[in-house]
Amino acid sequence: QQSELNSFLWTIKRDPPSYFFGTIHVPYTRVWDFIPENSKKAFQQSHIVYFELDLTDPYTISALTSCQLLPQGENLQDVLPHDIYRRLKQHLEYVKLMMPSWMTPDQRGKGLYADYLFNAIAGNWERKRPVWVMLMVNSLTEVDIKSRGVPVLDLYLAQEAERLRKQTGAVEKVEEQCHPLNGLNFSQV
């Protein structure tokens, strides 16, 4: 039955063949068992693998972090309506309070602490642009917190490609993802 599943794998018929695989940004453990064998086989047989972004590159991570920040000297409090800012701050205080109860014993066994995890996700939130804060808040749920520490499918595949010594690259630059989001006005966000 697995071979009949829609695999989000397209084959570009050439010699050797090329493949295009559509991934989603969720912990790989949520979807790995549902990825058909033809997709896994295409990945294994490929010598070169390109990703949306190179999530294993420290520059990429640094550039993503920098791109999320408001211009120098601005804070979220300066750009959000007072009531929304106040509600956001209260919500983040609630999340920080709840995070210890949301974490799994496995996460604690691996040395993940709620305060560390909260700061890793929400640290410097008052300097971030509203669109990035919105995305951050959407990921601060009990279900998402319980899956922290498990790489998203894209990162898992990138780590596997490195482990298997495949040549890797990226089809986009951070700026190509960041600038359109930063270009949204407040009502769009």
Protein backbone atom coordinates (compact mmCIF):
# COMPACT_ATOMS: atom_id res chain seq x y z
CA GLN A 1 0.00 0.00 0.00
CA GLN A 2 2.86 2.36 0.73
CA SER A 3 3.91 2.36 -2.93
CA GLU A 4 0.47 3.71 -3.84
CA LEU A 5 0.73 6.75 -1.57
CA ASN A 6 1.21 10.19 -3.08
CA SER A 7 4.87 10.66 -2.32
CA PHE A 8 5.38 14.27 -3.41
CA LEU A 9 8.22 12.86 -5.52
CA TRP A 10 8.57 13.88 -9.13
CA THR A 11 11.06 12.33 -11.50
CA ILE A 12 12.82 14.39 -14.15
CA LYS A 13 13.53 11.90 -16.90
CA ARG A 14 17.14 12.28 -17.90
CA ASP A 15 20.26 10.18 -17.56
CA PRO A 16 20.87 9.89 -14.66
CA PRO A 17 17.37 10.82 -13.43
CA SER A 18 16.79 13.84 -11.21
CA TYR A 19 14.15 14.02 -8.53
CA PHE A 20 12.10 16.77 -6.99
CA PHE A 21 10.69 16.03 -3.53
CA GLY A 22 8.29 18.33 -1.69
CA THR A 23 8.96 18.43 2.05
CA ILE A 24 7.15 20.08 4.92
CA HIS A 25 8.59 21.78 7.98
CA VAL A 26 7.49 19.34 10.66
CA PRO A 27 9.47 17.01 12.91
CA TYR A 28 10.54 14.15 10.67
CA THR A 29 9.25 11.57 13.15
CA ARG A 30 5.68 12.72 12.41
CA VAL A 31 5.96 11.88 8.72
CA TRP A 32 8.90 9.49 8.18
CA ASP A 33 6.82 6.31 8.39
CA PHE A 34 4.47 7.72 5.73
CA ILE A 35 7.14 8.59 3.18
CA PRO A 36 6.97 5.93 0.45
CA GLU A 37 9.95 3.73 -0.26
CA ASN A 38 10.38 5.21 -3.76
CA SER A 39 11.18 8.59 -2.19
CA LYS A 40 13.61 7.11 0.32
CA LYS A 41 15.27 5.09 -2.45
CA ALA A 42 15.63 8.19 -4.67
CA PHE A 43 17.32 10.01 -1.78
CA GLN A 44 19.65 7.09 -1.07
CA GLN A 45 20.66 6.77 -4.73
CA SER A 46 21.26 10.48 -5.25
CA HIS A 47 24.81 11.78 -5.11
CA ILE A 48 23.91 15.46 -4.98
CA VAL A 49 21.06 16.85 -2.88
CA TYR A 50 19.78 20.43 -2.93
CA PHE A 51 17.56 21.85 -0.23
CA GLU A 52 15.40 24.96 0.04
CA LEU A 53 18.02 26.45 2.36
CA ASP A 54 21.20 24.94 3.77
CA LEU A 55 20.08 24.48 7.37
CA THR A 56 23.42 22.93 8.30
CA ASP A 57 25.35 26.10 7.37
CA PRO A 58 26.07 28.41 10.33
CA TYR A 59 25.93 31.45 8.00
CA THR A 60 22.39 30.51 6.92
CA ILE A 61 21.23 30.23 10.54
CA SER A 62 22.92 33.51 11.46
CA ALA A 63 21.45 35.30 8.43
CA LEU A 64 17.96 33.95 9.23
CA THR A 65 18.28 35.26 12.79
CA SER A 66 19.52 38.69 11.68
CA CYS A 67 16.87 39.04 9.02
CA GLN A 68 14.11 38.66 11.61
CA LEU A 69 15.19 41.71 13.60
CA LEU A 70 13.64 45.14 13.46
CA PRO A 71 15.89 47.99 12.30
CA GLN A 72 18.47 49.12 14.84
CA GLY A 73 16.94 50.97 17.76
CA GLU A 74 13.37 49.72 17.20
CA ASN A 75 11.52 47.35 19.50
CA LEU A 76 8.28 45.46 19.02
CA GLN A 77 6.64 47.70 21.61
CA ASP A 78 7.29 50.64 19.25
CA VAL A 79 5.54 49.04 16.27
CA LEU A 80 2.65 47.04 17.75
CA PRO A 81 -0.57 48.55 19.11
CA HIS A 82 -0.33 48.69 22.90
CA ASP A 83 -3.15 46.19 23.51
CA ILE A 84 -1.67 43.57 21.15
CA TYR A 85 1.78 44.02 22.66
CA ARG A 86 0.36 43.60 26.19
CA ARG A 87 -1.57 40.45 25.21
CA LEU A 88 1.49 39.03 23.46
CA LYS A 89 3.66 39.63 26.52
CA GLN A 90 1.06 37.95 28.77
CA HIS A 91 0.82 34.99 26.41
CA LEU A 92 4.60 34.52 26.38
CA GLU A 93 4.64 34.66 30.20
CA TYR A 94 1.95 31.94 30.19
CA VAL A 95 3.95 29.80 27.74
CA LYS A 96 7.10 30.17 29.83
CA LEU A 97 5.16 29.09 32.92
CA MET A 98 3.62 26.07 31.14
CA MET A 99 6.68 24.83 29.25
CA PRO A 100 8.08 22.65 32.06
CA SER A 101 4.81 20.67 32.09
CA TRP A 102 4.77 20.43 28.29
CA MET A 103 8.22 18.86 28.02
CA THR A 104 8.60 15.11 27.74
CA PRO A 105 10.71 12.92 30.05
CA ASP A 106 12.81 12.06 26.98
CA GLN A 107 13.58 15.75 26.39
CA ARG A 108 14.56 16.20 30.05
CA GLY A 109 16.70 13.05 29.81
CA LYS A 110 18.59 14.63 26.93
CA GLY A 111 19.34 17.68 29.07
CA LEU A 112 16.75 20.05 27.58
CA TYR A 113 15.49 22.52 30.16
CA ALA A 114 12.32 24.55 29.75
CA ASP A 115 14.07 27.89 30.33
CA TYR A 116 16.75 27.05 27.78
CA LEU A 117 14.15 25.91 25.25
CA PHE A 118 12.00 29.00 25.79
CA ASN A 119 15.01 31.28 25.28
CA ALA A 120 16.09 29.32 22.20
CA ILE A 121 12.66 29.83 20.63
CA ALA A 122 11.53 33.18 22.01
CA GLY A 123 14.77 34.85 23.05
CA ASN A 124 15.06 38.44 21.85
CA TRP A 125 11.38 38.40 20.80
CA GLU A 126 11.02 42.12 21.54
CA ARG A 127 13.52 42.90 18.77
CA LYS A 128 11.84 40.75 16.10
CA ARG A 129 9.60 41.97 13.31
CA PRO A 130 5.88 41.22 13.83
CA VAL A 131 5.68 38.55 11.10
CA TRP A 132 8.47 36.54 12.75
CA VAL A 133 6.87 36.93 16.18
CA MET A 134 3.61 35.62 14.73
CA LEU A 135 5.40 32.55 13.33
CA MET A 136 7.19 32.09 16.67
CA VAL A 137 3.93 32.26 18.65
CA ASN A 138 2.35 29.71 16.30
CA SER A 139 5.14 27.27 17.21
CA LEU A 140 4.82 27.78 20.96
CA THR A 141 2.18 25.13 21.52
CA GLU A 142 2.28 22.03 23.70
CA VAL A 143 2.42 19.71 20.67
CA ASP A 144 5.29 21.66 19.10
CA ILE A 145 7.22 21.90 22.36
CA LYS A 146 6.94 18.12 22.87
CA SER A 147 8.61 17.59 19.49
CA ARG A 148 11.49 20.02 20.05
CA GLY A 149 14.85 18.36 19.78
CA VAL A 150 13.65 16.30 16.80
CA PRO A 151 14.83 17.82 13.50
CA VAL A 152 12.27 18.90 10.92
CA LEU A 153 12.18 16.72 7.81
CA ASP A 154 14.34 19.13 5.76
CA LEU A 155 17.06 19.27 8.42
CA TYR A 156 16.93 15.51 9.00
CA LEU A 157 17.48 14.89 5.28
CA ALA A 158 20.30 17.45 5.21
CA GLN A 159 21.97 15.76 8.18
CA GLU A 160 21.55 12.36 6.51
CA ALA A 161 23.03 13.72 3.28
CA GLU A 162 26.06 14.97 5.22
CA ARG A 163 26.39 11.67 7.08
CA LEU A 164 26.28 9.80 3.76
CA ARG A 165 28.81 12.25 2.31
CA LYS A 166 26.53 13.47 -0.44
CA GLN A 167 27.24 16.78 -2.10
CA THR A 168 24.68 19.33 -0.87
CA GLY A 169 23.53 22.80 -1.77
CA ALA A 170 20.61 25.20 -1.52
CA VAL A 171 18.24 26.52 -4.19
CA GLU A 172 17.42 29.70 -2.29
CA LYS A 173 19.29 32.32 -0.33
CA VAL A 174 18.08 33.50 3.07
CA GLU A 175 17.30 36.92 1.58
CA GLU A 176 14.94 35.35 -0.95
CA GLN A 177 12.83 33.98 1.89
CA CYS A 178 13.31 36.77 4.36
CA HIS A 179 12.71 39.89 2.30
CA PRO A 180 9.21 38.97 1.07
CA LEU A 181 8.07 38.25 4.64
CA ASN A 182 9.68 41.44 5.91
CA GLY A 183 7.93 43.34 3.12
CA LEU A 184 4.46 42.51 4.45
CA ASN A 185 2.71 45.48 6.03
CA PHE A 186 1.14 45.29 9.49
CA SER A 187 -2.41 44.61 8.28
CA GLN A 188 -1.13 41.73 6.09
CA VAL A 189 0.68 40.24 9.08
